[in-house]
Amino acid sequence: MYQKSLLAGLLGLAMLAAHATDVAGAKLATLQQTDIKGYAVKTSSDLALAYRNAANLGEFKEVALQRPEQGGYFYAAMTQVICNNEWLAQAPAQFEASSKNAEISKRRNASLVRIRALCQGFPAGAATDPLATISKGITLGDPLALGFKGVEKDKSVDIAATLKLQIAAQDPELLRSLEYFLIRNTFDSVYFDRQWLSGEEAKNVLIAASLVPCEFGASCKLDADPILMLNCAQFKRCPENLEVSAAWAIGADRLKLALIIRDRMVQAIRSKDSSLFIPNT
């Protein structure tokens, strides 16, 4: 799934740069003492909708920064990942047409035009570093920033607590990182539905998790999703939507199974049931 090229890189840096904060510790204590069904995260569906419908991500970012308690710093960091992008700054005015695949060239150029329109006037420089924005959001009590970076315990990321926070928030953009926080006991083994899965079964679960945010309101379509647009323009992988991308990754037959798993995940998240994702809950 090519959205990983952006989000996985940022997530990896966030985890490597993780440091304990009083706010993170307080939120972890709340998670440990409270059953997930009673844990309320104050986020705003209006903010998610505004991000999805934004005509200019720089203008949206300034609005989001005024609402840290509702996830605004997390959303501001998302705009920085997209717009404060070294490749985008160096990209040509348009890509040359390819005789081998004219449709891909067309989609790349359309995506580049849309991204540049979304990012027009976006400030450049160190002040727009998404990791710094995430860290500041945590100190200000931004629950989505904490859920993206990972709840910390003893200098490491508490995966179970982070999953609980993501399930409680049910935010479409935060759930893009769900697949990275699924619990593993080895590199290729993942926990789901009270069992450890590996190989193709584990990959089906990861693909299913990558499709979950679409069911909570994320765009997930090339002509509307800035992450897919940027990945199309940069990496020449231009699926019409995330389901098509998933089919490329595992094949149409296995996608059917992944969609069944996705639906189970969605149902569990909506009912704030963490037992499918976390052992012994």
C-alpha atoms as a PDB file:
ATOM      1  CA  MET A   1       0.000   0.000   0.000  1.00  0.00           C
ATOM      2  CA  TYR A   2       1.795   3.119  -1.189  1.00  0.00           C
ATOM      3  CA  GLN A   3       0.370   5.490   1.406  1.00  0.00           C
ATOM      4  CA  LYS A   4       2.960   3.807   3.669  1.00  0.00           C
ATOM      5  CA  SER A   5       5.756   5.755   1.989  1.00  0.00           C
ATOM      6  CA  LEU A   6       4.600   8.925   3.726  1.00  0.00           C
ATOM      7  CA  LEU A   7       2.923   7.768   6.914  1.00  0.00           C
ATOM      8  CA  ALA A   8       5.306   4.944   7.770  1.00  0.00           C
ATOM      9  CA  GLY A   9       8.281   7.246   7.463  1.00  0.00           C
ATOM     10  CA  LEU A  10       6.763   9.794   9.791  1.00  0.00           C
ATOM     11  CA  LEU A  11       5.617   7.114  12.228  1.00  0.00           C
ATOM     12  CA  GLY A  12       9.065   5.563  12.319  1.00  0.00           C
ATOM     13  CA  LEU A  13      10.686   8.898  13.059  1.00  0.00           C
ATOM     14  CA  ALA A  14       8.092   9.646  15.713  1.00  0.00           C
ATOM     15  CA  MET A  15       8.798   6.388  17.512  1.00  0.00           C
ATOM     16  CA  LEU A  16      12.568   6.836  17.323  1.00  0.00           C
ATOM     17  CA  ALA A  17      12.224  10.368  18.663  1.00  0.00           C
ATOM     18  CA  ALA A  18       9.754   9.390  21.389  1.00  0.00           C
ATOM     19  CA  HIS A  19      10.312  10.964  24.782  1.00  0.00           C
ATOM     20  CA  ALA A  20       8.182  10.799  27.917  1.00  0.00           C
ATOM     21  CA  THR A  21       6.064  13.819  28.816  1.00  0.00           C
ATOM     22  CA  ASP A  22       3.867  14.589  31.796  1.00  0.00           C
ATOM     23  CA  VAL A  23       0.843  14.831  29.533  1.00  0.00           C
ATOM     24  CA  ALA A  24       1.564  11.456  27.945  1.00  0.00           C
ATOM     25  CA  GLY A  25       2.004   9.903  31.371  1.00  0.00           C
ATOM     26  CA  ALA A  26      -1.268  11.349  32.597  1.00  0.00           C
ATOM     27  CA  LYS A  27      -3.147  10.078  29.571  1.00  0.00           C
ATOM     28  CA  LEU A  28      -1.562   6.643  29.931  1.00  0.00           C
ATOM     29  CA  ALA A  29      -2.710   6.489  33.552  1.00  0.00           C
ATOM     30  CA  THR A  30      -6.231   7.358  32.425  1.00  0.00           C
ATOM     31  CA  LEU A  31      -6.159   4.581  29.847  1.00  0.00           C
ATOM     32  CA  GLN A  32      -4.899   2.032  32.361  1.00  0.00           C
ATOM     33  CA  GLN A  33      -7.531   2.905  34.953  1.00  0.00           C
ATOM     34  CA  THR A  34     -10.546   3.203  32.671  1.00  0.00           C
ATOM     35  CA  ASP A  35     -12.312   0.589  30.576  1.00  0.00           C
ATOM     36  CA  ILE A  36     -12.153   1.528  26.896  1.00  0.00           C
ATOM     37  CA  LYS A  37     -15.942   1.721  26.566  1.00  0.00           C
ATOM     38  CA  GLY A  38     -15.963   4.484  29.152  1.00  0.00           C
ATOM     39  CA  TYR A  39     -12.957   6.363  27.805  1.00  0.00           C
ATOM     40  CA  ALA A  40     -14.095   9.467  25.959  1.00  0.00           C
ATOM     41  CA  VAL A  41     -11.722  11.284  23.634  1.00  0.00           C
ATOM     42  CA  LYS A  42     -12.862  14.801  22.832  1.00  0.00           C
ATOM     43  CA  THR A  43     -12.266  15.121  19.111  1.00  0.00           C
ATOM     44  CA  SER A  44     -14.248  16.877  16.433  1.00  0.00           C
ATOM     45  CA  SER A  45     -15.877  15.335  13.388  1.00  0.00           C
ATOM     46  CA  ASP A  46     -16.125  18.917  12.083  1.00  0.00           C
ATOM     47  CA  LEU A  47     -12.327  19.114  11.990  1.00  0.00           C
ATOM     48  CA  ALA A  48     -12.069  15.864  10.026  1.00  0.00           C
ATOM     49  CA  LEU A  49     -14.707  17.112   7.593  1.00  0.00           C
ATOM     50  CA  ALA A  50     -12.951  20.466   7.213  1.00  0.00           C
ATOM     51  CA  TYR A  51      -9.688  18.675   6.395  1.00  0.00           C
ATOM     52  CA  ARG A  52     -11.406  16.492   3.820  1.00  0.00           C
ATOM     53  CA  ASN A  53     -13.070  19.492   2.166  1.00  0.00           C
ATOM     54  CA  ALA A  54     -10.208  21.988   2.482  1.00  0.00           C
ATOM     55  CA  ALA A  55      -9.452  23.989  -0.644  1.00  0.00           C
ATOM     56  CA  ASN A  56      -6.147  25.172   0.842  1.00  0.00           C
ATOM     57  CA  LEU A  57      -4.252  23.133   3.420  1.00  0.00           C
ATOM     58  CA  GLY A  58      -2.252  26.106   4.687  1.00  0.00           C
ATOM     59  CA  GLU A  59      -5.428  27.952   5.632  1.00  0.00           C
ATOM     60  CA  PHE A  60      -6.873  24.806   7.187  1.00  0.00           C
ATOM     61  CA  LYS A  61      -3.666  24.309   9.209  1.00  0.00           C
ATOM     62  CA  GLU A  62      -4.019  27.710  10.863  1.00  0.00           C
ATOM     63  CA  VAL A  63      -7.584  26.908  11.907  1.00  0.00           C
ATOM     64  CA  ALA A  64      -6.587  23.464  13.178  1.00  0.00           C
ATOM     65  CA  LEU A  65      -3.813  24.858  15.383  1.00  0.00           C
ATOM     66  CA  GLN A  66      -6.433  26.783  17.346  1.00  0.00           C
ATOM     67  CA  ARG A  67      -8.083  23.505  18.418  1.00  0.00           C
ATOM     68  CA  PRO A  68      -5.440  21.264  20.040  1.00  0.00           C
ATOM     69  CA  GLU A  69      -7.936  19.634  22.396  1.00  0.00           C
ATOM     70  CA  GLN A  70      -9.865  18.336  19.375  1.00  0.00           C
ATOM     71  CA  GLY A  71      -6.882  16.975  17.468  1.00  0.00           C
ATOM     72  CA  GLY A  72      -5.852  20.141  15.652  1.00  0.00           C
ATOM     73  CA  TYR A  73      -2.093  19.672  15.987  1.00  0.00           C
ATOM     74  CA  PHE A  74      -2.335  16.170  14.565  1.00  0.00           C
ATOM     75  CA  TYR A  75      -4.232  17.536  11.565  1.00  0.00           C
ATOM     76  CA  ALA A  76      -1.731  20.367  11.179  1.00  0.00           C
ATOM     77  CA  ALA A  77       1.060  17.778  11.055  1.00  0.00           C
ATOM     78  CA  MET A  78      -0.826  15.909   8.331  1.00  0.00           C
ATOM     79  CA  THR A  79      -0.820  19.047   6.184  1.00  0.00           C
ATOM     80  CA  GLN A  80       2.917  19.432   6.780  1.00  0.00           C
ATOM     81  CA  VAL A  81       3.611  15.855   5.665  1.00  0.00           C
ATOM     82  CA  ILE A  82       1.797  16.613   2.425  1.00  0.00           C
ATOM     83  CA  CYS A  83       2.858  20.180   1.655  1.00  0.00           C
ATOM     84  CA  ASN A  84       6.282  20.640   3.262  1.00  0.00           C
ATOM     85  CA  ASN A  85       7.669  17.956   0.987  1.00  0.00           C
ATOM     86  CA  GLU A  86      11.123  18.139  -0.573  1.00  0.00           C
ATOM     87  CA  TRP A  87      10.111  16.079  -3.588  1.00  0.00           C
ATOM     88  CA  LEU A  88       7.085  18.280  -4.271  1.00  0.00           C
ATOM     89  CA  ALA A  89       9.244  21.401  -4.188  1.00  0.00           C
ATOM     90  CA  GLN A  90      11.559  19.934  -6.835  1.00  0.00           C
ATOM     91  CA  ALA A  91       8.918  18.322  -9.054  1.00  0.00           C
ATOM     92  CA  PRO A  92       8.623  19.580 -12.647  1.00  0.00           C
ATOM     93  CA  ALA A  93       5.762  21.757 -13.816  1.00  0.00           C
ATOM     94  CA  GLN A  94       4.333  18.616 -15.374  1.00  0.00           C
ATOM     95  CA  PHE A  95       5.489  15.124 -16.251  1.00  0.00           C
ATOM     96  CA  GLU A  96       6.248  14.143 -19.813  1.00  0.00           C
ATOM     97  CA  ALA A  97       3.631  11.928 -21.405  1.00  0.00           C
ATOM     98  CA  SER A  98       4.560   8.262 -21.499  1.00  0.00           C
ATOM     99  CA  SER A  99       3.868   6.246 -24.616  1.00  0.00           C
ATOM    100  CA  LYS A 100       3.918   3.079 -22.475  1.00  0.00           C
ATOM    101  CA  ASN A 101       1.211   4.198 -20.081  1.00  0.00           C
ATOM    102  CA  ALA A 102      -0.620   7.357 -21.044  1.00  0.00           C
ATOM    103  CA  GLU A 103      -3.235   6.888 -18.301  1.00  0.00           C
ATOM    104  CA  ILE A 104      -0.621   6.885 -15.524  1.00  0.00           C
ATOM    105  CA  SER A 105       0.962  10.044 -16.948  1.00  0.00           C
ATOM    106  CA  LYS A 106      -2.462  11.674 -17.024  1.00  0.00           C
ATOM    107  CA  ARG A 107      -3.180  10.718 -13.417  1.00  0.00           C
ATOM    108  CA  ARG A 108       0.257  11.847 -12.221  1.00  0.00           C
ATOM    109  CA  ASN A 109      -0.152  15.265 -13.803  1.00  0.00           C
ATOM    110  CA  ALA A 110      -3.701  15.654 -12.478  1.00  0.00           C
ATOM    111  CA  SER A 111      -2.528  14.687  -8.987  1.00  0.00           C
ATOM    112  CA  LEU A 112       0.380  17.124  -9.146  1.00  0.00           C
ATOM    113  CA  VAL A 113      -1.942  19.967 -10.148  1.00  0.00           C
ATOM    114  CA  ARG A 114      -4.333  19.193  -7.285  1.00  0.00           C
ATOM    115  CA  ILE A 115      -1.573  18.894  -4.681  1.00  0.00           C
ATOM    116  CA  ARG A 116      -0.004  22.185  -5.734  1.00  0.00           C
ATOM    117  CA  ALA A 117      -3.380  23.897  -5.515  1.00  0.00           C
ATOM    118  CA  LEU A 118      -3.971  22.464  -2.036  1.00  0.00           C
ATOM    119  CA  CYS A 119      -0.498  23.532  -0.898  1.00  0.00           C
ATOM    120  CA  GLN A 120      -0.377  26.961  -2.550  1.00  0.00           C
ATOM    121  CA  GLY A 121       1.196  29.466  -0.166  1.00  0.00           C
ATOM    122  CA  PHE A 122       2.071  26.806   2.407  1.00  0.00           C
ATOM    123  CA  PRO A 123       4.955  28.069   4.589  1.00  0.00           C
ATOM    124  CA  ALA A 124       8.311  26.345   4.173  1.00  0.00           C
ATOM    125  CA  GLY A 125      11.119  25.799   6.644  1.00  0.00           C
ATOM    126  CA  ALA A 126      11.824  24.203  10.001  1.00  0.00           C
ATOM    127  CA  ALA A 127       8.731  25.764  11.577  1.00  0.00           C
ATOM    128  CA  THR A 128       6.608  23.373   9.547  1.00  0.00           C
ATOM    129  CA  ASP A 129       8.283  20.160  10.790  1.00  0.00           C
ATOM    130  CA  PRO A 130       5.461  17.639  11.395  1.00  0.00           C
ATOM    131  CA  LEU A 131       7.311  15.817  14.188  1.00  0.00           C
ATOM    132  CA  ALA A 132       7.732  19.066  16.104  1.00  0.00           C
ATOM    133  CA  THR A 133       4.044  19.798  15.625  1.00  0.00           C
ATOM    134  CA  ILE A 134       3.070  16.340  16.915  1.00  0.00           C
ATOM    135  CA  SER A 135       5.306  16.760  19.977  1.00  0.00           C
ATOM    136  CA  LYS A 136       3.920  20.205  20.756  1.00  0.00           C
ATOM    137  CA  GLY A 137       0.405  18.862  20.322  1.00  0.00           C
ATOM    138  CA  ILE A 138       1.089  16.216  22.950  1.00  0.00           C
ATOM    139  CA  THR A 139       2.226  18.841  25.454  1.00  0.00           C
ATOM    140  CA  LEU A 140      -1.007  20.758  24.760  1.00  0.00           C
ATOM    141  CA  GLY A 141      -3.173  17.679  25.283  1.00  0.00           C
ATOM    142  CA  ASP A 142      -3.929  16.859  21.648  1.00  0.00           C
ATOM    143  CA  PRO A 143      -5.332  13.290  21.888  1.00  0.00           C
ATOM    144  CA  LEU A 144      -4.794  12.507  18.199  1.00  0.00           C
ATOM    145  CA  ALA A 145      -1.148  13.575  18.314  1.00  0.00           C
ATOM    146  CA  LEU A 146      -0.650  11.160  21.194  1.00  0.00           C
ATOM    147  CA  GLY A 147      -2.506   8.405  19.344  1.00  0.00           C
ATOM    148  CA  PHE A 148      -0.310   8.909  16.278  1.00  0.00           C
ATOM    149  CA  LYS A 149       3.046   9.078  18.040  1.00  0.00           C
ATOM    150  CA  GLY A 150       2.207   6.290  20.456  1.00  0.00           C
ATOM    151  CA  VAL A 151       1.475   6.375  24.172  1.00  0.00           C
ATOM    152  CA  GLU A 152       4.759   6.042  26.019  1.00  0.00           C
ATOM    153  CA  LYS A 153       5.665   3.880  28.997  1.00  0.00           C
ATOM    154  CA  ASP A 154       9.187   3.439  30.340  1.00  0.00           C
ATOM    155  CA  LYS A 155      10.697   5.159  27.288  1.00  0.00           C
ATOM    156  CA  SER A 156       8.954   2.826  24.833  1.00  0.00           C
ATOM    157  CA  VAL A 157       5.637   2.879  23.004  1.00  0.00           C
ATOM    158  CA  ASP A 158       2.750   1.155  24.780  1.00  0.00           C
ATOM    159  CA  ILE A 159       1.019  -0.392  21.774  1.00  0.00           C
ATOM    160  CA  ALA A 160      -2.068  -1.580  23.668  1.00  0.00           C
ATOM    161  CA  ALA A 161      -2.676   1.863  25.158  1.00  0.00           C
ATOM    162  CA  THR A 162      -2.200   3.472  21.746  1.00  0.00           C
ATOM    163  CA  LEU A 163      -4.704   1.090  20.167  1.00  0.00           C
ATOM    164  CA  LYS A 164      -7.214   1.918  22.889  1.00  0.00           C
ATOM    165  CA  LEU A 165      -6.745   5.618  22.200  1.00  0.00           C
ATOM    166  CA  GLN A 166      -7.250   5.126  18.460  1.00  0.00           C
ATOM    167  CA  ILE A 167     -10.363   3.028  19.041  1.00  0.00           C
ATOM    168  CA  ALA A 168     -11.763   5.620  21.423  1.00  0.00           C
ATOM    169  CA  ALA A 169     -11.072   8.524  19.053  1.00  0.00           C
ATOM    170  CA  GLN A 170     -12.494   6.854  15.917  1.00  0.00           C
ATOM    171  CA  ASP A 171     -10.891   9.589  13.825  1.00  0.00           C
ATOM    172  CA  PRO A 172     -10.575   8.753  10.106  1.00  0.00           C
ATOM    173  CA  GLU A 173      -7.101  10.221   9.596  1.00  0.00           C
ATOM    174  CA  LEU A 174      -5.676   8.834  12.843  1.00  0.00           C
ATOM    175  CA  LEU A 175      -6.951   5.388  11.861  1.00  0.00           C
ATOM    176  CA  ARG A 176      -4.639   5.481   8.826  1.00  0.00           C
ATOM    177  CA  SER A 177      -1.919   4.453  11.283  1.00  0.00           C
ATOM    178  CA  LEU A 178      -3.955   1.554  12.728  1.00  0.00           C
ATOM    179  CA  GLU A 179      -2.063  -1.106  10.775  1.00  0.00           C
ATOM    180  CA  TYR A 180       1.259   0.084  12.217  1.00  0.00           C
ATOM    181  CA  PHE A 181       0.024  -0.305  15.794  1.00  0.00           C
ATOM    182  CA  LEU A 182      -1.434  -3.799  15.509  1.00  0.00           C
ATOM    183  CA  ILE A 183       0.237  -5.988  18.125  1.00  0.00           C
ATOM    184  CA  ARG A 184       2.994  -8.346  16.941  1.00  0.00           C
ATOM    185  CA  ASN A 185       5.109 -10.989  18.633  1.00  0.00           C
ATOM    186  CA  THR A 186       7.509 -11.376  15.716  1.00  0.00           C
ATOM    187  CA  PHE A 187       8.221  -9.304  12.628  1.00  0.00           C
ATOM    188  CA  ASP A 188       5.674 -11.191  10.515  1.00  0.00           C
ATOM    189  CA  SER A 189       3.172 -12.245  13.186  1.00  0.00           C
ATOM    190  CA  VAL A 190       0.172 -10.098  14.097  1.00  0.00           C
ATOM    191  CA  TYR A 191      -2.597 -10.473  16.685  1.00  0.00           C
ATOM    192  CA  PHE A 192      -6.218 -10.356  15.572  1.00  0.00           C
ATOM    193  CA  ASP A 193      -9.423 -11.908  16.868  1.00  0.00           C
ATOM    194  CA  ARG A 194      -7.837 -13.833  19.759  1.00  0.00           C
ATOM    195  CA  GLN A 195      -5.137 -15.508  17.690  1.00  0.00           C
ATOM    196  CA  TRP A 196      -1.669 -14.892  16.310  1.00  0.00           C
ATOM    197  CA  LEU A 197      -1.505 -14.908  12.522  1.00  0.00           C
ATOM    198  CA  SER A 198       1.477 -15.010  10.196  1.00  0.00           C
ATOM    199  CA  GLY A 199       2.264 -15.172   6.502  1.00  0.00           C
ATOM    200  CA  GLU A 200      -0.609 -14.474   4.122  1.00  0.00           C
ATOM    201  CA  GLU A 201      -3.135 -14.407   6.978  1.00  0.00           C
ATOM    202  CA  ALA A 202      -1.200 -11.634   8.702  1.00  0.00           C
ATOM    203  CA  LYS A 203      -0.937  -9.679   5.449  1.00  0.00           C
ATOM    204  CA  ASN A 204      -4.701  -9.953   4.981  1.00  0.00           C
ATOM    205  CA  VAL A 205      -5.177  -8.433   8.440  1.00  0.00           C
ATOM    206  CA  LEU A 206      -2.761  -5.580   7.708  1.00  0.00           C
ATOM    207  CA  ILE A 207      -4.453  -4.834   4.389  1.00  0.00           C
ATOM    208  CA  ALA A 208      -7.834  -4.896   6.129  1.00  0.00           C
ATOM    209  CA  ALA A 209      -6.568  -2.431   8.748  1.00  0.00           C
ATOM    210  CA  SER A 210      -5.321  -0.083   6.016  1.00  0.00           C
ATOM    211  CA  LEU A 211      -8.880   0.073   4.624  1.00  0.00           C
ATOM    212  CA  VAL A 212     -10.576   0.808   7.956  1.00  0.00           C
ATOM    213  CA  PRO A 213     -10.199   4.630   7.811  1.00  0.00           C
ATOM    214  CA  CYS A 214     -12.254   4.724   4.606  1.00  0.00           C
ATOM    215  CA  GLU A 215     -15.248   3.454   6.588  1.00  0.00           C
ATOM    216  CA  PHE A 216     -14.885   6.300   9.085  1.00  0.00           C
ATOM    217  CA  GLY A 217     -14.855   9.108   6.536  1.00  0.00           C
ATOM    218  CA  ALA A 218     -11.335   9.272   5.084  1.00  0.00           C
ATOM    219  CA  SER A 219     -11.414  10.119   1.365  1.00  0.00           C
ATOM    220  CA  CYS A 220      -9.431   7.104   0.095  1.00  0.00           C
ATOM    221  CA  LYS A 221      -9.964   8.144  -3.561  1.00  0.00           C
ATOM    222  CA  LEU A 222      -7.242   9.412  -5.849  1.00  0.00           C
ATOM    223  CA  ASP A 223      -9.150  12.514  -6.916  1.00  0.00           C
ATOM    224  CA  ALA A 224      -9.880  13.540  -3.304  1.00  0.00           C
ATOM    225  CA  ASP A 225      -7.171  12.119  -1.020  1.00  0.00           C
ATOM    226  CA  PRO A 226      -3.986  14.248  -0.772  1.00  0.00           C
ATOM    227  CA  ILE A 227      -1.891  11.274   0.363  1.00  0.00           C
ATOM    228  CA  LEU A 228      -2.931   9.180  -2.634  1.00  0.00           C
ATOM    229  CA  MET A 229      -2.385  12.163  -4.927  1.00  0.00           C
ATOM    230  CA  LEU A 230       1.152  12.720  -3.686  1.00  0.00           C
ATOM    231  CA  ASN A 231       2.001   9.029  -3.866  1.00  0.00           C
ATOM    232  CA  CYS A 232       0.655   8.907  -7.417  1.00  0.00           C
ATOM    233  CA  ALA A 233       2.660  11.915  -8.542  1.00  0.00           C
ATOM    234  CA  GLN A 234       5.855  10.797  -6.822  1.00  0.00           C
ATOM    235  CA  PHE A 235       5.853   7.007  -7.135  1.00  0.00           C
ATOM    236  CA  LYS A 236       3.785   6.415 -10.304  1.00  0.00           C
ATOM    237  CA  ARG A 237       1.347   4.206  -8.399  1.00  0.00           C
ATOM    238  CA  CYS A 238      -2.046   5.674  -9.140  1.00  0.00           C
ATOM    239  CA  PRO A 239      -4.926   3.415  -8.038  1.00  0.00           C
ATOM    240  CA  GLU A 240      -8.379   4.944  -8.258  1.00  0.00           C
ATOM    241  CA  ASN A 241      -8.881   4.226  -4.564  1.00  0.00           C
ATOM    242  CA  LEU A 242      -7.409   2.254  -1.671  1.00  0.00           C
ATOM    243  CA  GLU A 243      -9.408  -0.878  -2.443  1.00  0.00           C
ATOM    244  CA  VAL A 244      -7.827  -1.036  -5.887  1.00  0.00           C
ATOM    245  CA  SER A 245      -4.424  -0.570  -4.269  1.00  0.00           C
ATOM    246  CA  ALA A 246      -5.213  -3.427  -1.872  1.00  0.00           C
ATOM    247  CA  ALA A 247      -6.200  -5.665  -4.780  1.00  0.00           C
ATOM    248  CA  TRP A 248      -2.852  -4.929  -6.415  1.00  0.00           C
ATOM    249  CA  ALA A 249      -1.110  -5.973  -3.201  1.00  0.00           C
ATOM    250  CA  ILE A 250      -2.890  -9.259  -2.470  1.00  0.00           C
ATOM    251  CA  GLY A 251      -5.110 -10.069  -5.455  1.00  0.00           C
ATOM    252  CA  ALA A 252      -8.850  -9.810  -5.954  1.00  0.00           C
ATOM    253  CA  ASP A 253      -9.694 -13.134  -4.294  1.00  0.00           C
ATOM    254  CA  ARG A 254      -7.823 -12.386  -1.074  1.00  0.00           C
ATOM    255  CA  LEU A 255      -9.230  -8.867  -1.075  1.00  0.00           C
ATOM    256  CA  LYS A 256     -12.682 -10.366  -0.523  1.00  0.00           C
ATOM    257  CA  LEU A 257     -11.431 -11.941   2.701  1.00  0.00           C
ATOM    258  CA  ALA A 258      -9.644  -8.737   3.701  1.00  0.00           C
ATOM    259  CA  LEU A 259     -12.894  -6.795   3.304  1.00  0.00           C
ATOM    260  CA  ILE A 260     -14.657  -9.226   5.631  1.00  0.00           C
ATOM    261  CA  ILE A 261     -11.878  -8.702   8.186  1.00  0.00           C
ATOM    262  CA  ARG A 262     -12.128  -4.935   7.671  1.00  0.00           C
ATOM    263  CA  ASP A 263     -15.848  -5.019   8.421  1.00  0.00           C
ATOM    264  CA  ARG A 264     -15.193  -6.909  11.653  1.00  0.00           C
ATOM    265  CA  MET A 265     -12.598  -4.321  12.637  1.00  0.00           C
ATOM    266  CA  VAL A 266     -14.985  -1.475  11.878  1.00  0.00           C
ATOM    267  CA  GLN A 267     -17.736  -3.039  13.950  1.00  0.00           C
ATOM    268  CA  ALA A 268     -15.366  -3.557  16.884  1.00  0.00           C
ATOM    269  CA  ILE A 269     -14.046   0.006  16.726  1.00  0.00           C
ATOM    270  CA  ARG A 270     -17.524   1.505  16.528  1.00  0.00           C
ATOM    271  CA  SER A 271     -18.564  -0.479  19.599  1.00  0.00           C
ATOM    272  CA  LYS A 272     -15.236   0.409  21.301  1.00  0.00           C
ATOM    273  CA  ASP A 273     -14.372  -3.254  21.668  1.00  0.00           C
ATOM    274  CA  SER A 274     -10.600  -3.690  21.932  1.00  0.00           C
ATOM    275  CA  SER A 275     -10.662  -7.476  22.370  1.00  0.00           C
ATOM    276  CA  LEU A 276     -10.123  -8.178  18.651  1.00  0.00           C
ATOM    277  CA  PHE A 277      -6.881  -6.203  18.713  1.00  0.00           C
ATOM    278  CA  ILE A 278      -5.407  -6.677  22.196  1.00  0.00           C
ATOM    279  CA  PRO A 279      -4.676 -10.023  23.886  1.00  0.00           C
ATOM    280  CA  ASN A 280      -6.291 -10.791  27.240  1.00  0.00           C
ATOM    281  CA  THR A 281      -8.951  -8.069  27.064  1.00  0.00           C
END
